[in-house]
Amino acid sequence: MQDGLRPVNVRHDLPEIAELIELCFGDVLDESGRAAIREMRTMSRAGPFLWLMSLFPIGNPSWQYGFVYVSSGLVVGNIGAQPISSKMDIWLIANVAVHPGYRRKGIAKQLVQTALQSVASRGATRVILQVDIDNNDAASLYTQIGFKTLAIRTIWRRKGQYLTDHTPFQSPMKIRPALRDDWPLEYSLLNKYSPEGLTWTAPLQIEHLRPSIFRDIGHFMTGNQEERWLILRFGEVIGWIYILSGSSSADQIRWVVSPQWRFDLEHELLRYALNRLGDGSSNVWIEHPDGDANRFLHQHFFESTRTLRWMQIDLPV
């Protein structure tokens, strides 16, 4: 393999990319990040299956369209890219990593600019990335290239068993399970109000939440349980809760609320979700915009583990 910058060779580079990401981000990786590293190492041994994955670009890992920088035969820089819309117009850049011994040599800038050129040639008009809030050097680089801050989001974790009281929603508010036929209502709400970066590894890919028999089979195979709830006011959907629990290492809570009712409902939604998980849930994580919700997350014994700056750049058509 030649030195310098080149596209990722998934059959050869994944183990080294995994080691590089672990070296650069190991102290802040959560379960999903460590799972991604394990996936890289596993997929590097998948052989022809990697070719099959390339036929389905949406939802594939970011390394499929990535680049590496090689020095003396070693991968010392990496960047991943993946489409996050079915139209291939919005893309995510992830895992921008440079070996500590090779920093301040312009490698990161070359990787980002090359990735932007590559995704633009594939139809991208908008690119999103995330960077740790205290990584000023990276944020400065992205700003120089043309990225602007989109949102600040924090990952919260609660460990331990705590009792959570919840009083029923007061009329005219009411909550009910989201049925399969309610998908158009969910889709409309999420398209309208969902923030960027609902999960830290990628912005919310709404289509991936669509109810299906394959989704049910997947949860059955993993032992996970999924709950989706709609909050209505006079019949209008104004909020949504998503709860994922089961055999994974941490239960997850997500919610989206119409801005008009955010102040009134967010704390109620959190208490409702924690009540649904019950006393037996001792490990819960939430990824949420930094701000007003911090106060009541602290009240429920959540601690912030990582704060990320989401940035975006618009590419010329």
C-alpha atoms as a PDB file:
ATOM      1  CA  MET A   1       0.000   0.000   0.000  1.00  0.00           C
ATOM      2  CA  GLN A   2       1.369   3.410  -1.031  1.00  0.00           C
ATOM      3  CA  ASP A   3       2.148   6.175   1.454  1.00  0.00           C
ATOM      4  CA  GLY A   4       0.150   9.385   1.517  1.00  0.00           C
ATOM      5  CA  LEU A   5      -3.586   9.996   1.303  1.00  0.00           C
ATOM      6  CA  ARG A   6      -5.813   7.415  -0.379  1.00  0.00           C
ATOM      7  CA  PRO A   7      -9.312   5.866  -0.087  1.00  0.00           C
ATOM      8  CA  VAL A   8      -9.869   3.268   2.591  1.00  0.00           C
ATOM      9  CA  ASN A   9      -9.176  -0.311   1.543  1.00  0.00           C
ATOM     10  CA  VAL A  10     -11.699  -2.060   3.774  1.00  0.00           C
ATOM     11  CA  ARG A  11     -10.087  -5.479   3.422  1.00  0.00           C
ATOM     12  CA  HIS A  12      -6.736  -4.232   4.702  1.00  0.00           C
ATOM     13  CA  ASP A  13      -7.146  -0.977   6.639  1.00  0.00           C
ATOM     14  CA  LEU A  14      -9.925  -1.648   9.166  1.00  0.00           C
ATOM     15  CA  PRO A  15      -7.747  -3.189  11.932  1.00  0.00           C
ATOM     16  CA  GLU A  16      -5.331  -0.250  11.788  1.00  0.00           C
ATOM     17  CA  ILE A  17      -8.180   2.273  11.653  1.00  0.00           C
ATOM     18  CA  ALA A  18      -9.686   0.649  14.749  1.00  0.00           C
ATOM     19  CA  GLU A  19      -6.353   0.944  16.581  1.00  0.00           C
ATOM     20  CA  LEU A  20      -5.955   4.584  15.541  1.00  0.00           C
ATOM     21  CA  ILE A  21      -9.466   5.554  16.684  1.00  0.00           C
ATOM     22  CA  GLU A  22      -8.937   3.723  19.961  1.00  0.00           C
ATOM     23  CA  LEU A  23      -5.636   5.572  20.460  1.00  0.00           C
ATOM     24  CA  CYS A  24      -7.106   8.997  19.691  1.00  0.00           C
ATOM     25  CA  PHE A  25     -10.512   8.694  21.340  1.00  0.00           C
ATOM     26  CA  GLY A  26     -10.241   5.781  23.772  1.00  0.00           C
ATOM     27  CA  ASP A  27     -10.722   7.951  26.859  1.00  0.00           C
ATOM     28  CA  VAL A  28     -14.095   9.289  25.661  1.00  0.00           C
ATOM     29  CA  LEU A  29     -15.556   6.325  23.777  1.00  0.00           C
ATOM     30  CA  ASP A  30     -18.900   5.081  25.082  1.00  0.00           C
ATOM     31  CA  GLU A  31     -20.463   1.673  24.451  1.00  0.00           C
ATOM     32  CA  SER A  32     -21.541   2.541  20.921  1.00  0.00           C
ATOM     33  CA  GLY A  33     -18.067   3.811  20.081  1.00  0.00           C
ATOM     34  CA  ARG A  34     -16.402   0.701  21.414  1.00  0.00           C
ATOM     35  CA  ALA A  35     -18.967  -1.406  19.567  1.00  0.00           C
ATOM     36  CA  ALA A  36     -18.020   0.400  16.345  1.00  0.00           C
ATOM     37  CA  ILE A  37     -14.373  -0.517  16.911  1.00  0.00           C
ATOM     38  CA  ARG A  38     -15.300  -4.141  17.498  1.00  0.00           C
ATOM     39  CA  GLU A  39     -17.383  -4.026  14.321  1.00  0.00           C
ATOM     40  CA  MET A  40     -14.397  -2.790  12.313  1.00  0.00           C
ATOM     41  CA  ARG A  41     -12.250  -5.645  13.543  1.00  0.00           C
ATOM     42  CA  THR A  42     -14.958  -8.185  12.883  1.00  0.00           C
ATOM     43  CA  MET A  43     -15.805  -6.830   9.435  1.00  0.00           C
ATOM     44  CA  SER A  44     -12.155  -6.873   8.399  1.00  0.00           C
ATOM     45  CA  ARG A  45     -12.512 -10.662   8.425  1.00  0.00           C
ATOM     46  CA  ALA A  46     -15.866 -10.685   6.587  1.00  0.00           C
ATOM     47  CA  GLY A  47     -14.424 -11.135   3.107  1.00  0.00           C
ATOM     48  CA  PRO A  48     -17.079 -11.036   0.342  1.00  0.00           C
ATOM     49  CA  PHE A  49     -19.692  -9.724   2.798  1.00  0.00           C
ATOM     50  CA  LEU A  50     -17.977  -6.324   2.626  1.00  0.00           C
ATOM     51  CA  TRP A  51     -18.772  -6.183  -1.088  1.00  0.00           C
ATOM     52  CA  LEU A  52     -22.433  -6.954  -0.399  1.00  0.00           C
ATOM     53  CA  MET A  53     -22.604  -4.103   2.120  1.00  0.00           C
ATOM     54  CA  SER A  54     -21.377  -1.652  -0.512  1.00  0.00           C
ATOM     55  CA  LEU A  55     -24.587  -2.264  -2.477  1.00  0.00           C
ATOM     56  CA  PHE A  56     -26.627  -0.613   0.296  1.00  0.00           C
ATOM     57  CA  PRO A  57     -24.974   2.755   1.029  1.00  0.00           C
ATOM     58  CA  ILE A  58     -27.522   4.203   3.443  1.00  0.00           C
ATOM     59  CA  GLY A  59     -26.816   3.086   6.991  1.00  0.00           C
ATOM     60  CA  ASN A  60     -23.451   1.519   6.237  1.00  0.00           C
ATOM     61  CA  PRO A  61     -20.509   2.363   8.506  1.00  0.00           C
ATOM     62  CA  SER A  62     -18.711   5.618   7.778  1.00  0.00           C
ATOM     63  CA  TRP A  63     -15.489   3.891   6.755  1.00  0.00           C
ATOM     64  CA  GLN A  64     -17.066   2.718   3.499  1.00  0.00           C
ATOM     65  CA  TYR A  65     -16.475   6.142   1.880  1.00  0.00           C
ATOM     66  CA  GLY A  66     -13.497   7.083   4.050  1.00  0.00           C
ATOM     67  CA  PHE A  67      -9.852   7.975   3.483  1.00  0.00           C
ATOM     68  CA  VAL A  68      -6.626   7.182   5.283  1.00  0.00           C
ATOM     69  CA  TYR A  69      -3.219   8.832   5.440  1.00  0.00           C
ATOM     70  CA  VAL A  70      -0.345   6.362   5.394  1.00  0.00           C
ATOM     71  CA  SER A  71       3.249   6.973   6.478  1.00  0.00           C
ATOM     72  CA  SER A  72       5.954   4.303   6.234  1.00  0.00           C
ATOM     73  CA  GLY A  73       3.230   1.750   5.614  1.00  0.00           C
ATOM     74  CA  LEU A  74       1.261   2.667   8.761  1.00  0.00           C
ATOM     75  CA  VAL A  75      -2.186   4.274   8.905  1.00  0.00           C
ATOM     76  CA  VAL A  76      -1.598   7.523  10.821  1.00  0.00           C
ATOM     77  CA  GLY A  77      -4.702   9.437   9.744  1.00  0.00           C
ATOM     78  CA  ASN A  78      -8.321   8.541   9.069  1.00  0.00           C
ATOM     79  CA  ILE A  79     -11.644  10.083   8.142  1.00  0.00           C
ATOM     80  CA  GLY A  80     -14.999   8.409   7.559  1.00  0.00           C
ATOM     81  CA  ALA A  81     -17.995   9.595   5.549  1.00  0.00           C
ATOM     82  CA  GLN A  82     -21.500   8.236   5.048  1.00  0.00           C
ATOM     83  CA  PRO A  83     -24.769   9.483   3.563  1.00  0.00           C
ATOM     84  CA  ILE A  84     -27.552  10.089   6.064  1.00  0.00           C
ATOM     85  CA  SER A  85     -30.359  10.812   3.641  1.00  0.00           C
ATOM     86  CA  SER A  86     -31.893   8.613   0.984  1.00  0.00           C
ATOM     87  CA  LYS A  87     -31.251  11.355  -1.587  1.00  0.00           C
ATOM     88  CA  MET A  88     -27.496  11.181  -0.818  1.00  0.00           C
ATOM     89  CA  ASP A  89     -27.498  14.978  -0.333  1.00  0.00           C
ATOM     90  CA  ILE A  90     -26.704  15.100   3.409  1.00  0.00           C
ATOM     91  CA  TRP A  91     -23.568  13.373   4.656  1.00  0.00           C
ATOM     92  CA  LEU A  92     -21.838  12.754   7.966  1.00  0.00           C
ATOM     93  CA  ILE A  93     -18.076  12.994   8.489  1.00  0.00           C
ATOM     94  CA  ALA A  94     -16.834  10.919  11.415  1.00  0.00           C
ATOM     95  CA  ASN A  95     -13.688   9.616  13.119  1.00  0.00           C
ATOM     96  CA  VAL A  96     -11.310  12.345  12.005  1.00  0.00           C
ATOM     97  CA  ALA A  97      -8.229  10.960  13.707  1.00  0.00           C
ATOM     98  CA  VAL A  98      -4.497  11.669  13.374  1.00  0.00           C
ATOM     99  CA  HIS A  99      -1.822   9.799  15.304  1.00  0.00           C
ATOM    100  CA  PRO A 100      -0.377  12.076  18.058  1.00  0.00           C
ATOM    101  CA  GLY A 101       3.100  11.778  16.545  1.00  0.00           C
ATOM    102  CA  TYR A 102       1.900  13.145  13.183  1.00  0.00           C
ATOM    103  CA  ARG A 103      -0.240  16.091  14.225  1.00  0.00           C
ATOM    104  CA  ARG A 104       0.260  19.716  13.127  1.00  0.00           C
ATOM    105  CA  LYS A 105       1.495  18.562   9.732  1.00  0.00           C
ATOM    106  CA  GLY A 106      -1.675  19.406   7.806  1.00  0.00           C
ATOM    107  CA  ILE A 107      -2.872  15.794   7.624  1.00  0.00           C
ATOM    108  CA  ALA A 108      -6.280  16.458   9.206  1.00  0.00           C
ATOM    109  CA  LYS A 109      -6.925  19.360   6.828  1.00  0.00           C
ATOM    110  CA  GLN A 110      -6.040  17.215   3.810  1.00  0.00           C
ATOM    111  CA  LEU A 111      -8.340  14.441   5.027  1.00  0.00           C
ATOM    112  CA  VAL A 112     -11.308  16.777   5.568  1.00  0.00           C
ATOM    113  CA  GLN A 113     -10.894  18.617   2.279  1.00  0.00           C
ATOM    114  CA  THR A 114     -10.513  15.372   0.337  1.00  0.00           C
ATOM    115  CA  ALA A 115     -13.598  13.912   2.007  1.00  0.00           C
ATOM    116  CA  LEU A 116     -15.624  17.038   1.162  1.00  0.00           C
ATOM    117  CA  GLN A 117     -14.559  16.855  -2.474  1.00  0.00           C
ATOM    118  CA  SER A 118     -15.435  13.159  -2.584  1.00  0.00           C
ATOM    119  CA  VAL A 119     -18.936  13.471  -1.108  1.00  0.00           C
ATOM    120  CA  ALA A 120     -19.640  16.553  -3.248  1.00  0.00           C
ATOM    121  CA  SER A 121     -18.960  14.431  -6.326  1.00  0.00           C
ATOM    122  CA  ARG A 122     -21.574  11.979  -5.017  1.00  0.00           C
ATOM    123  CA  GLY A 123     -24.251  14.657  -4.697  1.00  0.00           C
ATOM    124  CA  ALA A 124     -23.696  16.031  -1.196  1.00  0.00           C
ATOM    125  CA  THR A 125     -24.953  19.560  -0.590  1.00  0.00           C
ATOM    126  CA  ARG A 126     -24.580  19.537   3.202  1.00  0.00           C
ATOM    127  CA  VAL A 127     -22.047  17.841   5.498  1.00  0.00           C
ATOM    128  CA  ILE A 128     -22.247  17.444   9.281  1.00  0.00           C
ATOM    129  CA  LEU A 129     -19.611  16.440  11.831  1.00  0.00           C
ATOM    130  CA  GLN A 130     -19.172  16.452  15.601  1.00  0.00           C
ATOM    131  CA  VAL A 131     -16.223  17.481  17.737  1.00  0.00           C
ATOM    132  CA  ASP A 132     -15.661  17.453  21.503  1.00  0.00           C
ATOM    133  CA  ILE A 133     -16.531  20.823  22.993  1.00  0.00           C
ATOM    134  CA  ASP A 134     -13.034  21.285  24.461  1.00  0.00           C
ATOM    135  CA  ASN A 135     -11.180  20.295  21.258  1.00  0.00           C
ATOM    136  CA  ASN A 136     -10.472  23.869  20.238  1.00  0.00           C
ATOM    137  CA  ASP A 137      -7.801  22.958  17.678  1.00  0.00           C
ATOM    138  CA  ALA A 138     -10.180  20.732  15.709  1.00  0.00           C
ATOM    139  CA  ALA A 139     -13.040  23.236  15.957  1.00  0.00           C
ATOM    140  CA  SER A 140     -10.720  25.984  14.698  1.00  0.00           C
ATOM    141  CA  LEU A 141      -9.660  23.824  11.737  1.00  0.00           C
ATOM    142  CA  TYR A 142     -13.255  23.062  10.793  1.00  0.00           C
ATOM    143  CA  THR A 143     -14.164  26.759  11.085  1.00  0.00           C
ATOM    144  CA  GLN A 144     -11.293  27.687   8.753  1.00  0.00           C
ATOM    145  CA  ILE A 145     -12.578  25.184   6.211  1.00  0.00           C
ATOM    146  CA  GLY A 146     -16.072  26.691   6.401  1.00  0.00           C
ATOM    147  CA  PHE A 147     -18.013  24.678   9.003  1.00  0.00           C
ATOM    148  CA  LYS A 148     -20.389  26.503  11.343  1.00  0.00           C
ATOM    149  CA  THR A 149     -21.752  25.398  14.728  1.00  0.00           C
ATOM    150  CA  LEU A 150     -25.145  23.746  14.420  1.00  0.00           C
ATOM    151  CA  ALA A 151     -25.822  22.606  17.998  1.00  0.00           C
ATOM    152  CA  ILE A 152     -24.190  21.698  21.299  1.00  0.00           C
ATOM    153  CA  ARG A 153     -25.276  18.302  22.641  1.00  0.00           C
ATOM    154  CA  THR A 154     -24.369  16.370  25.783  1.00  0.00           C
ATOM    155  CA  ILE A 155     -24.306  12.652  26.532  1.00  0.00           C
ATOM    156  CA  TRP A 156     -25.708  11.844  29.971  1.00  0.00           C
ATOM    157  CA  ARG A 157     -25.361   8.633  31.945  1.00  0.00           C
ATOM    158  CA  ARG A 158     -27.149   7.408  35.064  1.00  0.00           C
ATOM    159  CA  LYS A 159     -25.793   4.384  36.908  1.00  0.00           C
ATOM    160  CA  GLY A 160     -27.578   2.873  39.867  1.00  0.00           C
ATOM    161  CA  GLN A 161     -31.186   2.145  40.749  1.00  0.00           C
ATOM    162  CA  TYR A 162     -33.356   5.120  41.736  1.00  0.00           C
ATOM    163  CA  LEU A 163     -37.071   5.422  42.389  1.00  0.00           C
ATOM    164  CA  THR A 164     -38.840   7.759  39.949  1.00  0.00           C
ATOM    165  CA  ASP A 165     -42.290   9.132  40.682  1.00  0.00           C
ATOM    166  CA  HIS A 166     -44.573  10.183  37.875  1.00  0.00           C
ATOM    167  CA  THR A 167     -48.014  11.718  37.923  1.00  0.00           C
ATOM    168  CA  PRO A 168     -50.287  11.173  34.900  1.00  0.00           C
ATOM    169  CA  PHE A 169     -50.299  13.825  32.194  1.00  0.00           C
ATOM    170  CA  GLN A 170     -52.900  16.460  32.934  1.00  0.00           C
ATOM    171  CA  SER A 171     -55.800  17.104  30.551  1.00  0.00           C
ATOM    172  CA  PRO A 172     -55.825  18.169  27.757  1.00  0.00           C
ATOM    173  CA  MET A 173     -52.481  16.349  27.432  1.00  0.00           C
ATOM    174  CA  LYS A 174     -52.592  12.611  26.947  1.00  0.00           C
ATOM    175  CA  ILE A 175     -50.060   9.920  26.112  1.00  0.00           C
ATOM    176  CA  ARG A 176     -50.558   6.661  24.261  1.00  0.00           C
ATOM    177  CA  PRO A 177     -48.413   3.992  22.545  1.00  0.00           C
ATOM    178  CA  ALA A 178     -47.476   4.660  18.937  1.00  0.00           C
ATOM    179  CA  LEU A 179     -49.063   1.961  16.776  1.00  0.00           C
ATOM    180  CA  ARG A 180     -47.826   0.825  13.372  1.00  0.00           C
ATOM    181  CA  ASP A 181     -50.497   2.928  11.684  1.00  0.00           C
ATOM    182  CA  ASP A 182     -49.169   5.986  13.555  1.00  0.00           C
ATOM    183  CA  TRP A 183     -45.907   5.994  11.620  1.00  0.00           C
ATOM    184  CA  PRO A 184     -46.986   8.981   9.426  1.00  0.00           C
ATOM    185  CA  LEU A 185     -47.610  10.986  12.626  1.00  0.00           C
ATOM    186  CA  GLU A 186     -44.206  10.001  14.040  1.00  0.00           C
ATOM    187  CA  TYR A 187     -42.498  10.741  10.744  1.00  0.00           C
ATOM    188  CA  SER A 188     -44.081  14.170  10.476  1.00  0.00           C
ATOM    189  CA  LEU A 189     -43.124  15.171  14.025  1.00  0.00           C
ATOM    190  CA  LEU A 190     -39.555  13.906  13.747  1.00  0.00           C
ATOM    191  CA  ASN A 191     -39.006  15.562  10.373  1.00  0.00           C
ATOM    192  CA  LYS A 192     -40.273  18.845  11.730  1.00  0.00           C
ATOM    193  CA  TYR A 193     -38.672  19.004  15.173  1.00  0.00           C
ATOM    194  CA  SER A 194     -35.951  16.392  15.575  1.00  0.00           C
ATOM    195  CA  PRO A 195     -32.594  18.010  16.362  1.00  0.00           C
ATOM    196  CA  GLU A 196     -29.409  17.107  14.566  1.00  0.00           C
ATOM    197  CA  GLY A 197     -27.394  14.465  16.312  1.00  0.00           C
ATOM    198  CA  LEU A 198     -30.096  12.592  18.181  1.00  0.00           C
ATOM    199  CA  THR A 199     -27.422   9.971  18.697  1.00  0.00           C
ATOM    200  CA  TRP A 200     -23.791  11.007  18.920  1.00  0.00           C
ATOM    201  CA  THR A 201     -22.547   8.629  16.243  1.00  0.00           C
ATOM    202  CA  ALA A 202     -24.894   9.969  13.574  1.00  0.00           C
ATOM    203  CA  PRO A 203     -27.826  12.304  13.193  1.00  0.00           C
ATOM    204  CA  LEU A 204     -31.233  10.708  13.505  1.00  0.00           C
ATOM    205  CA  GLN A 205     -31.947   8.663  10.420  1.00  0.00           C
ATOM    206  CA  ILE A 206     -35.720   8.795  10.622  1.00  0.00           C
ATOM    207  CA  GLU A 207     -36.333   6.120   8.018  1.00  0.00           C
ATOM    208  CA  HIS A 208     -34.469   3.621  10.219  1.00  0.00           C
ATOM    209  CA  LEU A 209     -37.224   3.984  12.827  1.00  0.00           C
ATOM    210  CA  ARG A 210     -39.967   2.896  10.450  1.00  0.00           C
ATOM    211  CA  PRO A 211     -41.851  -0.097  11.968  1.00  0.00           C
ATOM    212  CA  SER A 212     -41.311  -3.318  10.044  1.00  0.00           C
ATOM    213  CA  ILE A 213     -41.241  -7.076  10.531  1.00  0.00           C
ATOM    214  CA  PHE A 214     -37.469  -6.984   9.992  1.00  0.00           C
ATOM    215  CA  ARG A 215     -37.093  -4.450  12.803  1.00  0.00           C
ATOM    216  CA  ASP A 216     -39.173  -6.706  15.069  1.00  0.00           C
ATOM    217  CA  ILE A 217     -37.028  -9.719  14.195  1.00  0.00           C
ATOM    218  CA  GLY A 218     -33.871  -7.736  14.895  1.00  0.00           C
ATOM    219  CA  HIS A 219     -35.067  -6.770  18.365  1.00  0.00           C
ATOM    220  CA  PHE A 220     -36.128 -10.347  19.035  1.00  0.00           C
ATOM    221  CA  MET A 221     -32.682 -11.629  18.063  1.00  0.00           C
ATOM    222  CA  THR A 222     -30.867  -9.087  20.260  1.00  0.00           C
ATOM    223  CA  GLY A 223     -33.252  -9.344  23.193  1.00  0.00           C
ATOM    224  CA  ASN A 224     -34.047  -5.630  23.051  1.00  0.00           C
ATOM    225  CA  GLN A 225     -37.439  -4.080  23.676  1.00  0.00           C
ATOM    226  CA  GLU A 226     -38.562  -0.910  21.920  1.00  0.00           C
ATOM    227  CA  GLU A 227     -41.290   1.463  23.111  1.00  0.00           C
ATOM    228  CA  ARG A 228     -42.587   4.480  21.201  1.00  0.00           C
ATOM    229  CA  TRP A 229     -45.112   6.852  22.723  1.00  0.00           C
ATOM    230  CA  LEU A 230     -47.029   9.830  21.340  1.00  0.00           C
ATOM    231  CA  ILE A 231     -48.089  12.864  23.401  1.00  0.00           C
ATOM    232  CA  LEU A 232     -51.225  14.555  22.149  1.00  0.00           C
ATOM    233  CA  ARG A 233     -53.021  17.805  22.969  1.00  0.00           C
ATOM    234  CA  PHE A 234     -56.572  18.065  21.676  1.00  0.00           C
ATOM    235  CA  GLY A 235     -55.659  15.280  19.237  1.00  0.00           C
ATOM    236  CA  GLU A 236     -52.549  17.032  17.867  1.00  0.00           C
ATOM    237  CA  VAL A 237     -49.222  15.183  18.261  1.00  0.00           C
ATOM    238  CA  ILE A 238     -46.853  17.498  20.127  1.00  0.00           C
ATOM    239  CA  GLY A 239     -44.288  15.047  21.525  1.00  0.00           C
ATOM    240  CA  TRP A 240     -42.650  11.642  21.139  1.00  0.00           C
ATOM    241  CA  ILE A 241     -40.723   9.310  23.458  1.00  0.00           C
ATOM    242  CA  TYR A 242     -38.490   6.436  22.414  1.00  0.00           C
ATOM    243  CA  ILE A 243     -37.281   3.857  24.955  1.00  0.00           C
ATOM    244  CA  LEU A 244     -34.889   1.021  24.097  1.00  0.00           C
ATOM    245  CA  SER A 245     -34.136  -1.530  26.787  1.00  0.00           C
ATOM    246  CA  GLY A 246     -33.049  -5.138  27.056  1.00  0.00           C
ATOM    247  CA  SER A 247     -29.810  -6.971  26.628  1.00  0.00           C
ATOM    248  CA  SER A 248     -27.674  -4.038  25.458  1.00  0.00           C
ATOM    249  CA  SER A 249     -25.177  -2.525  27.885  1.00  0.00           C
ATOM    250  CA  ALA A 250     -27.299   0.572  28.567  1.00  0.00           C
ATOM    251  CA  ASP A 251     -30.954   1.495  28.176  1.00  0.00           C
ATOM    252  CA  GLN A 252     -31.661   4.506  25.972  1.00  0.00           C
ATOM    253  CA  ILE A 253     -34.194   7.320  26.190  1.00  0.00           C
ATOM    254  CA  ARG A 254     -34.876   9.829  23.429  1.00  0.00           C
ATOM    255  CA  TRP A 255     -37.577  12.435  23.098  1.00  0.00           C
ATOM    256  CA  VAL A 256     -38.681  15.110  20.670  1.00  0.00           C
ATOM    257  CA  VAL A 257     -41.152  17.868  21.573  1.00  0.00           C
ATOM    258  CA  SER A 258     -42.747  20.720  19.675  1.00  0.00           C
ATOM    259  CA  PRO A 259     -40.827  23.890  20.716  1.00  0.00           C
ATOM    260  CA  GLN A 260     -44.063  25.482  21.910  1.00  0.00           C
ATOM    261  CA  TRP A 261     -44.447  22.824  24.613  1.00  0.00           C
ATOM    262  CA  ARG A 262     -40.815  21.938  25.302  1.00  0.00           C
ATOM    263  CA  PHE A 263     -40.572  23.826  28.603  1.00  0.00           C
ATOM    264  CA  ASP A 264     -43.790  22.276  29.924  1.00  0.00           C
ATOM    265  CA  LEU A 265     -43.218  18.699  28.768  1.00  0.00           C
ATOM    266  CA  GLU A 266     -39.542  17.725  28.726  1.00  0.00           C
ATOM    267  CA  HIS A 267     -39.255  16.954  32.434  1.00  0.00           C
ATOM    268  CA  GLU A 268     -42.549  15.058  32.365  1.00  0.00           C
ATOM    269  CA  LEU A 269     -41.346  12.965  29.436  1.00  0.00           C
ATOM    270  CA  LEU A 270     -38.124  12.050  31.218  1.00  0.00           C
ATOM    271  CA  ARG A 271     -39.972  11.010  34.365  1.00  0.00           C
ATOM    272  CA  TYR A 272     -42.437   8.983  32.329  1.00  0.00           C
ATOM    273  CA  ALA A 273     -39.665   7.162  30.476  1.00  0.00           C
ATOM    274  CA  LEU A 274     -37.734   6.406  33.678  1.00  0.00           C
ATOM    275  CA  ASN A 275     -40.939   5.121  35.236  1.00  0.00           C
ATOM    276  CA  ARG A 276     -41.434   2.820  32.237  1.00  0.00           C
ATOM    277  CA  LEU A 277     -37.919   1.430  32.638  1.00  0.00           C
ATOM    278  CA  GLY A 278     -38.628   0.776  36.305  1.00  0.00           C
ATOM    279  CA  ASP A 279     -36.349   0.311  39.276  1.00  0.00           C
ATOM    280  CA  GLY A 280     -34.501  -2.545  37.605  1.00  0.00           C
ATOM    281  CA  SER A 281     -32.810  -0.261  35.068  1.00  0.00           C
ATOM    282  CA  SER A 282     -29.422   0.608  36.558  1.00  0.00           C
ATOM    283  CA  ASN A 283     -27.683   1.973  33.466  1.00  0.00           C
ATOM    284  CA  VAL A 284     -29.405   4.591  31.298  1.00  0.00           C
ATOM    285  CA  TRP A 285     -27.986   7.018  28.752  1.00  0.00           C
ATOM    286  CA  ILE A 286     -29.447  10.066  27.064  1.00  0.00           C
ATOM    287  CA  GLU A 287     -28.048  12.308  24.329  1.00  0.00           C
ATOM    288  CA  HIS A 288     -29.704  15.727  24.417  1.00  0.00           C
ATOM    289  CA  PRO A 289     -29.111  19.393  23.502  1.00  0.00           C
ATOM    290  CA  ASP A 290     -27.099  21.190  26.153  1.00  0.00           C
ATOM    291  CA  GLY A 291     -29.259  23.706  28.008  1.00  0.00           C
ATOM    292  CA  ASP A 292     -32.470  23.831  30.029  1.00  0.00           C
ATOM    293  CA  ALA A 293     -32.781  20.047  30.395  1.00  0.00           C
ATOM    294  CA  ASN A 294     -29.460  19.863  32.276  1.00  0.00           C
ATOM    295  CA  ARG A 295     -31.104  20.919  35.538  1.00  0.00           C
ATOM    296  CA  PHE A 296     -33.677  18.140  35.745  1.00  0.00           C
ATOM    297  CA  LEU A 297     -31.264  15.537  34.369  1.00  0.00           C
ATOM    298  CA  HIS A 298     -29.070  16.309  37.374  1.00  0.00           C
ATOM    299  CA  GLN A 299     -32.138  15.994  39.599  1.00  0.00           C
ATOM    300  CA  HIS A 300     -32.544  12.413  38.366  1.00  0.00           C
ATOM    301  CA  PHE A 301     -28.899  11.530  39.098  1.00  0.00           C
ATOM    302  CA  PHE A 302     -27.627  11.772  35.526  1.00  0.00           C
ATOM    303  CA  GLU A 303     -24.038  12.882  34.999  1.00  0.00           C
ATOM    304  CA  SER A 304     -22.671  14.421  31.829  1.00  0.00           C
ATOM    305  CA  THR A 305     -20.014  12.235  30.202  1.00  0.00           C
ATOM    306  CA  ARG A 306     -19.312  14.055  26.935  1.00  0.00           C
ATOM    307  CA  THR A 307     -20.367  17.301  25.276  1.00  0.00           C
ATOM    308  CA  LEU A 308     -20.159  17.579  21.506  1.00  0.00           C
ATOM    309  CA  ARG A 309     -20.277  20.489  19.114  1.00  0.00           C
ATOM    310  CA  TRP A 310     -22.204  19.607  15.942  1.00  0.00           C
ATOM    311  CA  MET A 311     -20.959  21.580  12.925  1.00  0.00           C
ATOM    312  CA  GLN A 312     -22.141  21.775   9.330  1.00  0.00           C
ATOM    313  CA  ILE A 313     -21.023  23.120   5.973  1.00  0.00           C
ATOM    314  CA  ASP A 314     -23.135  23.769   2.888  1.00  0.00           C
ATOM    315  CA  LEU A 315     -21.508  22.690  -0.361  1.00  0.00           C
ATOM    316  CA  PRO A 316     -22.107  24.427  -3.695  1.00  0.00           C
ATOM    317  CA  VAL A 317     -24.549  22.629  -5.957  1.00  0.00           C
END
